Amino acid sequence: MVVLEMNEAEKEMLKRALESFEGELRNEIVRTDDRELKKLLHEDEDVIKKILDKVSFS
């Protein structure tokens, strides 16, 4: 387990960056026709969502 100590400004910046990346990832998922790539992108999206949940509740 990795523990990051961040102040509120850093947490907000991380949250915004992850939300932006999540949006770009969704666009890529919609645009790709490659099933394997789409599967990997969905897995990445799941990880991003989990991280966002942790950042939002800490």
Protein backbone atom coordinates (compact mmCIF):
# COMPACT_ATOMS: atom_id res chain seq x y z
CA MET A 1 0.00 0.00 0.00
CA VAL A 2 1.22 3.50 -0.84
CA VAL A 3 0.29 6.43 1.37
CA LEU A 4 0.36 9.94 -0.05
CA GLU A 5 0.11 12.94 2.20
CA MET A 6 -1.48 15.88 0.38
CA ASN A 7 -2.99 19.17 1.38
CA GLU A 8 -6.46 20.14 0.13
CA ALA A 9 -5.15 22.04 -2.91
CA GLU A 10 -3.07 19.05 -3.99
CA LYS A 11 -6.03 16.69 -3.53
CA GLU A 12 -8.26 18.95 -5.62
CA MET A 13 -5.64 19.19 -8.37
CA LEU A 14 -5.22 15.41 -8.42
CA LYS A 15 -9.00 14.95 -8.52
CA ARG A 16 -9.38 17.37 -11.44
CA ALA A 17 -6.53 15.74 -13.34
CA LEU A 18 -8.00 12.28 -12.85
CA GLU A 19 -11.48 13.46 -13.88
CA SER A 20 -10.03 15.01 -17.03
CA PHE A 21 -8.13 11.83 -17.84
CA GLU A 22 -11.26 9.77 -17.19
CA GLY A 23 -13.16 11.86 -19.73
CA GLU A 24 -10.44 11.41 -22.33
CA LEU A 25 -10.40 7.69 -21.62
CA ARG A 26 -14.17 7.46 -22.17
CA ASN A 27 -13.78 9.22 -25.52
CA GLU A 28 -11.06 6.77 -26.52
CA ILE A 29 -13.25 3.82 -25.48
CA VAL A 30 -16.07 5.09 -27.68
CA ARG A 31 -13.77 5.68 -30.67
CA THR A 32 -11.87 2.39 -30.64
CA ASP A 33 -13.05 -0.64 -32.57
CA ASP A 34 -10.34 -2.97 -31.25
CA ARG A 35 -12.03 -5.21 -28.69
CA GLU A 36 -8.83 -6.02 -26.80
CA LEU A 37 -7.88 -2.36 -26.55
CA LYS A 38 -11.42 -1.48 -25.48
CA LYS A 39 -11.20 -4.09 -22.71
CA LEU A 40 -7.89 -2.66 -21.49
CA LEU A 41 -9.28 0.88 -21.57
CA HIS A 42 -12.29 -0.20 -19.52
CA GLU A 43 -9.94 -1.76 -16.97
CA ASP A 44 -8.00 1.53 -16.83
CA GLU A 45 -11.27 3.40 -16.37
CA ASP A 46 -12.18 1.16 -13.43
CA VAL A 47 -8.82 1.88 -11.77
CA ILE A 48 -9.25 5.64 -12.29
CA LYS A 49 -12.72 5.48 -10.71
CA LYS A 50 -11.35 3.63 -7.68
CA ILE A 51 -8.59 6.20 -7.25
CA LEU A 52 -11.11 9.04 -7.57
CA ASP A 53 -13.25 7.43 -4.87
CA LYS A 54 -10.25 7.29 -2.56
CA VAL A 55 -9.25 10.88 -3.25
CA SER A 56 -12.82 12.09 -2.73
CA PHE A 57 -13.25 10.36 0.63
CA SER A 58 -9.88 11.02 2.23
